[in-house]
């Protein structure tokens, strides 16, 4: 299996990565729930910057038990 390391992700890739439906990704985008500068519209297609999506997950990760 090949891992996609493109700097941009489409809606389906983001949905899979975040365990959401594509419709939920669009809804969250419309509500402004993604970090500023995380989306790009290229040739009419909504794309997300992989770096920003990965950072969103990292920032949302709860600390492990036993760590302050």
PDB file of N, CA and C in Angstrom:
ATOM      1  N   UNK A   1       0.838  -1.191   0.000  1.00  0.00           N
ATOM      2  CA  UNK A   1       0.000   0.000   0.000  1.00  0.00           C
ATOM      3  C   UNK A   1       0.879   1.248   0.000  1.00  0.00           C
ATOM      4  N   UNK A   2       0.587   2.172  -0.878  1.00  0.00           N
ATOM      5  CA  UNK A   2       1.363   3.389  -1.010  1.00  0.00           C
ATOM      6  C   UNK A   2       0.775   4.480  -0.122  1.00  0.00           C
ATOM      7  N   UNK A   3       1.640   5.187   0.569  1.00  0.00           N
ATOM      8  CA  UNK A   3       1.207   6.292   1.412  1.00  0.00           C
ATOM      9  C   UNK A   3       1.278   7.582   0.605  1.00  0.00           C
ATOM     10  N   UNK A   4       0.214   8.353   0.627  1.00  0.00           N
ATOM     11  CA  UNK A   4       0.174   9.616  -0.091  1.00  0.00           C
ATOM     12  C   UNK A   4       0.820  10.690   0.770  1.00  0.00           C
ATOM     13  N   UNK A   5       1.875  11.298   0.256  1.00  0.00           N
ATOM     14  CA  UNK A   5       2.553  12.355   1.003  1.00  0.00           C
ATOM     15  C   UNK A   5       2.440  13.695   0.295  1.00  0.00           C
ATOM     16  N   UNK A   6       1.438  13.826  -0.567  1.00  0.00           N
ATOM     17  CA  UNK A   6       1.196  15.088  -1.251  1.00  0.00           C
ATOM     18  C   UNK A   6       0.940  16.176  -0.207  1.00  0.00           C
ATOM     19  N   UNK A   7       1.386  17.397  -0.459  1.00  0.00           N
ATOM     20  CA  UNK A   7       1.136  18.480   0.507  1.00  0.00           C
ATOM     21  C   UNK A   7      -0.333  18.897   0.574  1.00  0.00           C
ATOM     22  N   UNK A   8      -1.145  18.439  -0.396  1.00  0.00           N
ATOM     23  CA  UNK A   8      -2.559  18.782  -0.407  1.00  0.00           C
ATOM     24  C   UNK A   8      -3.411  17.523  -0.329  1.00  0.00           C
ATOM     25  N   UNK A   9      -4.549  17.641   0.339  1.00  0.00           N
ATOM     26  CA  UNK A   9      -5.494  16.530   0.488  1.00  0.00           C
ATOM     27  C   UNK A   9      -6.847  16.981  -0.038  1.00  0.00           C
ATOM     28  N   UNK A  10      -7.562  16.068  -0.692  1.00  0.00           N
ATOM     29  CA  UNK A  10      -8.921  16.408  -1.111  1.00  0.00           C
ATOM     30  C   UNK A  10      -9.888  16.097   0.038  1.00  0.00           C
ATOM     31  N   UNK A  11     -11.149  16.407  -0.175  1.00  0.00           N
ATOM     32  CA  UNK A  11     -12.154  16.250   0.880  1.00  0.00           C
ATOM     33  C   UNK A  11     -12.251  14.794   1.342  1.00  0.00           C
ATOM     34  N   UNK A  12     -12.217  13.856   0.405  1.00  0.00           N
ATOM     35  CA  UNK A  12     -12.306  12.436   0.779  1.00  0.00           C
ATOM     36  C   UNK A  12     -11.116  12.020   1.644  1.00  0.00           C
ATOM     37  N   UNK A  13      -9.924  12.491   1.294  1.00  0.00           N
ATOM     38  CA  UNK A  13      -8.729  12.151   2.080  1.00  0.00           C
ATOM     39  C   UNK A  13      -8.820  12.722   3.495  1.00  0.00           C
ATOM     40  N   UNK A  14      -9.286  13.955   3.603  1.00  0.00           N
ATOM     41  CA  UNK A  14      -9.440  14.576   4.923  1.00  0.00           C
ATOM     42  C   UNK A  14     -10.499  13.831   5.727  1.00  0.00           C
ATOM     43  N   UNK A  15     -11.586  13.478   5.078  1.00  0.00           N
ATOM     44  CA  UNK A  15     -12.657  12.743   5.758  1.00  0.00           C
ATOM     45  C   UNK A  15     -12.132  11.413   6.293  1.00  0.00           C
ATOM     46  N   UNK A  16     -11.387  10.695   5.481  1.00  0.00           N
ATOM     47  CA  UNK A  16     -10.814   9.418   5.911  1.00  0.00           C
ATOM     48  C   UNK A  16      -9.829   9.633   7.061  1.00  0.00           C
ATOM     49  N   UNK A  17      -8.967  10.601   6.917  1.00  0.00           N
ATOM     50  CA  UNK A  17      -7.946  10.897   7.926  1.00  0.00           C
ATOM     51  C   UNK A  17      -8.571  11.254   9.281  1.00  0.00           C
ATOM     52  N   UNK A  18      -9.657  12.026   9.241  1.00  0.00           N
ATOM     53  CA  UNK A  18     -10.308  12.478  10.476  1.00  0.00           C
ATOM     54  C   UNK A  18     -11.464  11.574  10.916  1.00  0.00           C
ATOM     55  N   UNK A  19     -11.715  10.495  10.174  1.00  0.00           N
ATOM     56  CA  UNK A  19     -12.815   9.567  10.479  1.00  0.00           C
ATOM     57  C   UNK A  19     -14.156  10.303  10.495  1.00  0.00           C
ATOM     58  N   UNK A  20     -14.369  11.094   9.441  1.00  0.00           N
ATOM     59  CA  UNK A  20     -15.613  11.841   9.257  1.00  0.00           C
ATOM     60  C   UNK A  20     -16.162  11.535   7.871  1.00  0.00           C
ATOM     61  N   UNK A  21     -17.387  11.916   7.636  1.00  0.00           N
ATOM     62  CA  UNK A  21     -17.938  11.801   6.282  1.00  0.00           C
ATOM     63  C   UNK A  21     -17.515  13.036   5.487  1.00  0.00           C
ATOM     64  N   UNK A  22     -17.450  12.920   4.162  1.00  0.00           N
ATOM     65  CA  UNK A  22     -17.153  14.104   3.355  1.00  0.00           C
ATOM     66  C   UNK A  22     -18.142  15.252   3.607  1.00  0.00           C
ATOM     67  N   UNK A  23     -19.408  14.924   3.831  1.00  0.00           N
ATOM     68  CA  UNK A  23     -20.412  15.962   4.104  1.00  0.00           C
ATOM     69  C   UNK A  23     -20.077  16.721   5.391  1.00  0.00           C
ATOM     70  N   UNK A  24     -19.579  16.005   6.394  1.00  0.00           N
ATOM     71  CA  UNK A  24     -19.202  16.652   7.655  1.00  0.00           C
ATOM     72  C   UNK A  24     -17.993  17.556   7.450  1.00  0.00           C
ATOM     73  N   UNK A  25     -17.051  17.126   6.626  1.00  0.00           N
ATOM     74  CA  UNK A  25     -15.872  17.959   6.326  1.00  0.00           C
ATOM     75  C   UNK A  25     -16.332  19.263   5.671  1.00  0.00           C
ATOM     76  N   UNK A  26     -17.226  19.176   4.680  1.00  0.00           N
ATOM     77  CA  UNK A  26     -17.749  20.387   4.032  1.00  0.00           C
ATOM     78  C   UNK A  26     -18.473  21.275   5.044  1.00  0.00           C
ATOM     79  N   UNK A  27     -19.279  20.677   5.907  1.00  0.00           N
ATOM     80  CA  UNK A  27     -20.033  21.455   6.900  1.00  0.00           C
ATOM     81  C   UNK A  27     -19.084  22.168   7.862  1.00  0.00           C
ATOM     82  N   UNK A  28     -18.059  21.457   8.317  1.00  0.00           N
ATOM     83  CA  UNK A  28     -17.084  22.071   9.232  1.00  0.00           C
ATOM     84  C   UNK A  28     -16.321  23.197   8.537  1.00  0.00           C
ATOM     85  N   UNK A  29     -16.037  23.025   7.261  1.00  0.00           N
ATOM     86  CA  UNK A  29     -15.358  24.074   6.490  1.00  0.00           C
ATOM     87  C   UNK A  29     -16.256  25.304   6.420  1.00  0.00           C
ATOM     88  N   UNK A  30     -17.529  25.101   6.125  1.00  0.00           N
ATOM     89  CA  UNK A  30     -18.478  26.215   6.021  1.00  0.00           C
ATOM     90  C   UNK A  30     -18.655  26.945   7.346  1.00  0.00           C
ATOM     91  N   UNK A  31     -18.546  26.211   8.457  1.00  0.00           N
ATOM     92  CA  UNK A  31     -18.683  26.818   9.793  1.00  0.00           C
ATOM     93  C   UNK A  31     -17.367  27.419  10.290  1.00  0.00           C
ATOM     94  N   UNK A  32     -16.302  27.293   9.506  1.00  0.00           N
ATOM     95  CA  UNK A  32     -15.015  27.880   9.889  1.00  0.00           C
ATOM     96  C   UNK A  32     -14.301  27.100  10.972  1.00  0.00           C
ATOM     97  N   UNK A  33     -14.517  25.788  11.038  1.00  0.00           N
ATOM     98  CA  UNK A  33     -13.926  24.979  12.096  1.00  0.00           C
ATOM     99  C   UNK A  33     -12.525  24.461  11.770  1.00  0.00           C
ATOM    100  N   UNK A  34     -12.051  24.717  10.569  1.00  0.00           N
ATOM    101  CA  UNK A  34     -10.679  24.345  10.230  1.00  0.00           C
ATOM    102  C   UNK A  34      -9.777  25.557  10.453  1.00  0.00           C
ATOM    103  N   UNK A  35      -8.502  25.326  10.764  1.00  0.00           N
ATOM    104  CA  UNK A  35      -7.600  26.453  11.016  1.00  0.00           C
ATOM    105  C   UNK A  35      -7.512  27.400   9.816  1.00  0.00           C
ATOM    106  N   UNK A  36      -7.312  28.653  10.110  1.00  0.00           N
ATOM    107  CA  UNK A  36      -7.154  29.661   9.071  1.00  0.00           C
ATOM    108  C   UNK A  36      -5.981  29.262   8.169  1.00  0.00           C
ATOM    109  N   UNK A  37      -6.175  29.361   6.888  1.00  0.00           N
ATOM    110  CA  UNK A  37      -5.123  29.041   5.937  1.00  0.00           C
ATOM    111  C   UNK A  37      -4.965  27.561   5.639  1.00  0.00           C
ATOM    112  N   UNK A  38      -5.914  26.751   6.090  1.00  0.00           N
ATOM    113  CA  UNK A  38      -5.784  25.304   5.884  1.00  0.00           C
ATOM    114  C   UNK A  38      -6.415  24.829   4.579  1.00  0.00           C
ATOM    115  N   UNK A  39      -7.191  25.694   3.924  1.00  0.00           N
ATOM    116  CA  UNK A  39      -7.849  25.274   2.687  1.00  0.00           C
ATOM    117  C   UNK A  39      -7.376  26.102   1.502  1.00  0.00           C
ATOM    118  N   UNK A  40      -7.470  25.471   0.339  1.00  0.00           N
ATOM    119  CA  UNK A  40      -7.087  26.091  -0.921  1.00  0.00           C
ATOM    120  C   UNK A  40      -8.148  25.718  -1.946  1.00  0.00           C
ATOM    121  N   UNK A  41      -8.536  26.650  -2.769  1.00  0.00           N
ATOM    122  CA  UNK A  41      -9.448  26.343  -3.869  1.00  0.00           C
ATOM    123  C   UNK A  41      -8.597  26.412  -5.141  1.00  0.00           C
ATOM    124  N   UNK A  42      -8.426  25.263  -5.782  1.00  0.00           N
ATOM    125  CA  UNK A  42      -7.570  25.176  -6.956  1.00  0.00           C
ATOM    126  C   UNK A  42      -8.356  24.544  -8.095  1.00  0.00           C
ATOM    127  N   UNK A  43      -8.506  25.276  -9.184  1.00  0.00           N
ATOM    128  CA  UNK A  43      -9.276  24.810 -10.342  1.00  0.00           C
ATOM    129  C   UNK A  43     -10.687  24.364  -9.933  1.00  0.00           C
ATOM    130  N   UNK A  44     -11.282  25.100  -8.988  1.00  0.00           N
ATOM    131  CA  UNK A  44     -12.636  24.814  -8.549  1.00  0.00           C
ATOM    132  C   UNK A  44     -12.760  23.658  -7.568  1.00  0.00           C
ATOM    133  N   UNK A  45     -11.636  23.120  -7.128  1.00  0.00           N
ATOM    134  CA  UNK A  45     -11.656  21.976  -6.214  1.00  0.00           C
ATOM    135  C   UNK A  45     -11.155  22.409  -4.835  1.00  0.00           C
ATOM    136  N   UNK A  46     -11.896  22.027  -3.800  1.00  0.00           N
ATOM    137  CA  UNK A  46     -11.506  22.335  -2.430  1.00  0.00           C
ATOM    138  C   UNK A  46     -10.420  21.364  -1.980  1.00  0.00           C
ATOM    139  N   UNK A  47      -9.289  21.906  -1.578  1.00  0.00           N
ATOM    140  CA  UNK A  47      -8.168  21.103  -1.088  1.00  0.00           C
ATOM    141  C   UNK A  47      -7.737  21.623   0.276  1.00  0.00           C
ATOM    142  N   UNK A  48      -7.120  20.749   1.040  1.00  0.00           N
ATOM    143  CA  UNK A  48      -6.661  21.082   2.378  1.00  0.00           C
ATOM    144  C   UNK A  48      -5.153  20.888   2.463  1.00  0.00           C
ATOM    145  N   UNK A  49      -4.481  21.758   3.177  1.00  0.00           N
ATOM    146  CA  UNK A  49      -3.042  21.619   3.369  1.00  0.00           C
ATOM    147  C   UNK A  49      -2.796  20.528   4.415  1.00  0.00           C
ATOM    148  N   UNK A  50      -2.113  19.464   3.989  1.00  0.00           N
ATOM    149  CA  UNK A  50      -1.848  18.317   4.860  1.00  0.00           C
ATOM    150  C   UNK A  50      -1.212  18.760   6.187  1.00  0.00           C
ATOM    151  N   UNK A  51      -0.251  19.643   6.104  1.00  0.00           N
ATOM    152  CA  UNK A  51       0.452  20.123   7.296  1.00  0.00           C
ATOM    153  C   UNK A  51      -0.510  20.716   8.326  1.00  0.00           C
ATOM    154  N   UNK A  52      -1.474  21.497   7.854  1.00  0.00           N
ATOM    155  CA  UNK A  52      -2.448  22.137   8.761  1.00  0.00           C
ATOM    156  C   UNK A  52      -3.404  21.109   9.369  1.00  0.00           C
ATOM    157  N   UNK A  53      -3.808  20.112   8.584  1.00  0.00           N
ATOM    158  CA  UNK A  53      -4.721  19.079   9.094  1.00  0.00           C
ATOM    159  C   UNK A  53      -3.990  18.216  10.123  1.00  0.00           C
ATOM    160  N   UNK A  54      -2.756  17.850   9.835  1.00  0.00           N
ATOM    161  CA  UNK A  54      -1.971  17.062  10.795  1.00  0.00           C
ATOM    162  C   UNK A  54      -1.740  17.852  12.077  1.00  0.00           C
ATOM    163  N   UNK A  55      -1.505  19.167  11.956  1.00  0.00           N
ATOM    164  CA  UNK A  55      -1.317  20.008  13.139  1.00  0.00           C
ATOM    165  C   UNK A  55      -2.607  20.116  13.939  1.00  0.00           C
ATOM    166  N   UNK A  56      -3.742  20.178  13.262  1.00  0.00           N
ATOM    167  CA  UNK A  56      -5.046  20.208  13.935  1.00  0.00           C
ATOM    168  C   UNK A  56      -5.211  18.973  14.816  1.00  0.00           C
ATOM    169  N   UNK A  57      -4.871  17.814  14.279  1.00  0.00           N
ATOM    170  CA  UNK A  57      -4.969  16.570  15.045  1.00  0.00           C
ATOM    171  C   UNK A  57      -3.990  16.600  16.216  1.00  0.00           C
ATOM    172  N   UNK A  58      -2.766  17.010  15.954  1.00  0.00           N
ATOM    173  CA  UNK A  58      -1.743  17.071  17.007  1.00  0.00           C
ATOM    174  C   UNK A  58      -2.183  18.000  18.143  1.00  0.00           C
ATOM    175  N   UNK A  59      -2.719  19.155  17.795  1.00  0.00           N
ATOM    176  CA  UNK A  59      -3.162  20.131  18.799  1.00  0.00           C
ATOM    177  C   UNK A  59      -4.379  19.641  19.580  1.00  0.00           C
ATOM    178  N   UNK A  60      -5.141  18.716  18.992  1.00  0.00           N
ATOM    179  CA  UNK A  60      -6.351  18.206  19.631  1.00  0.00           C
ATOM    180  C   UNK A  60      -6.110  16.964  20.475  1.00  0.00           C
ATOM    181  N   UNK A  61      -4.905  16.424  20.398  1.00  0.00           N
ATOM    182  CA  UNK A  61      -4.578  15.197  21.126  1.00  0.00           C
ATOM    183  C   UNK A  61      -4.482  15.482  22.615  1.00  0.00           C
ATOM    184  N   UNK A  62      -5.191  14.663  23.395  1.00  0.00           N
ATOM    185  CA  UNK A  62      -5.161  14.823  24.846  1.00  0.00           C
ATOM    186  C   UNK A  62      -3.866  14.247  25.391  1.00  0.00           C
ATOM    187  N   UNK A  63      -3.331  14.843  26.450  1.00  0.00           N
ATOM    188  CA  UNK A  63      -2.110  14.282  27.047  1.00  0.00           C
ATOM    189  C   UNK A  63      -2.355  12.894  27.626  1.00  0.00           C
ATOM    190  N   UNK A  64      -1.320  12.096  27.678  1.00  0.00           N
ATOM    191  CA  UNK A  64      -1.421  10.749  28.237  1.00  0.00           C
ATOM    192  C   UNK A  64      -1.641  10.817  29.738  1.00  0.00           C
ATOM    193  N   UNK A  65      -2.231   9.750  30.293  1.00  0.00           N
ATOM    194  CA  UNK A  65      -2.397   9.678  31.740  1.00  0.00           C
ATOM    195  C   UNK A  65      -1.029   9.695  32.394  1.00  0.00           C
ATOM    196  N   UNK A  66      -0.922  10.333  33.526  1.00  0.00           N
ATOM    197  CA  UNK A  66       0.338  10.352  34.266  1.00  0.00           C
ATOM    198  C   UNK A  66       1.262  11.492  33.861  1.00  0.00           C
ATOM    199  N   UNK A  67       0.840  12.283  32.868  1.00  0.00           N
ATOM    200  CA  UNK A  67       1.637  13.434  32.454  1.00  0.00           C
ATOM    201  C   UNK A  67       0.870  14.692  32.752  1.00  0.00           C
ATOM    202  N   UNK A  68       1.561  15.692  33.228  1.00  0.00           N
ATOM    203  CA  UNK A  68       0.900  16.963  33.565  1.00  0.00           C
ATOM    204  C   UNK A  68       0.939  17.922  32.415  1.00  0.00           C
TER     205      UNK A  68
END
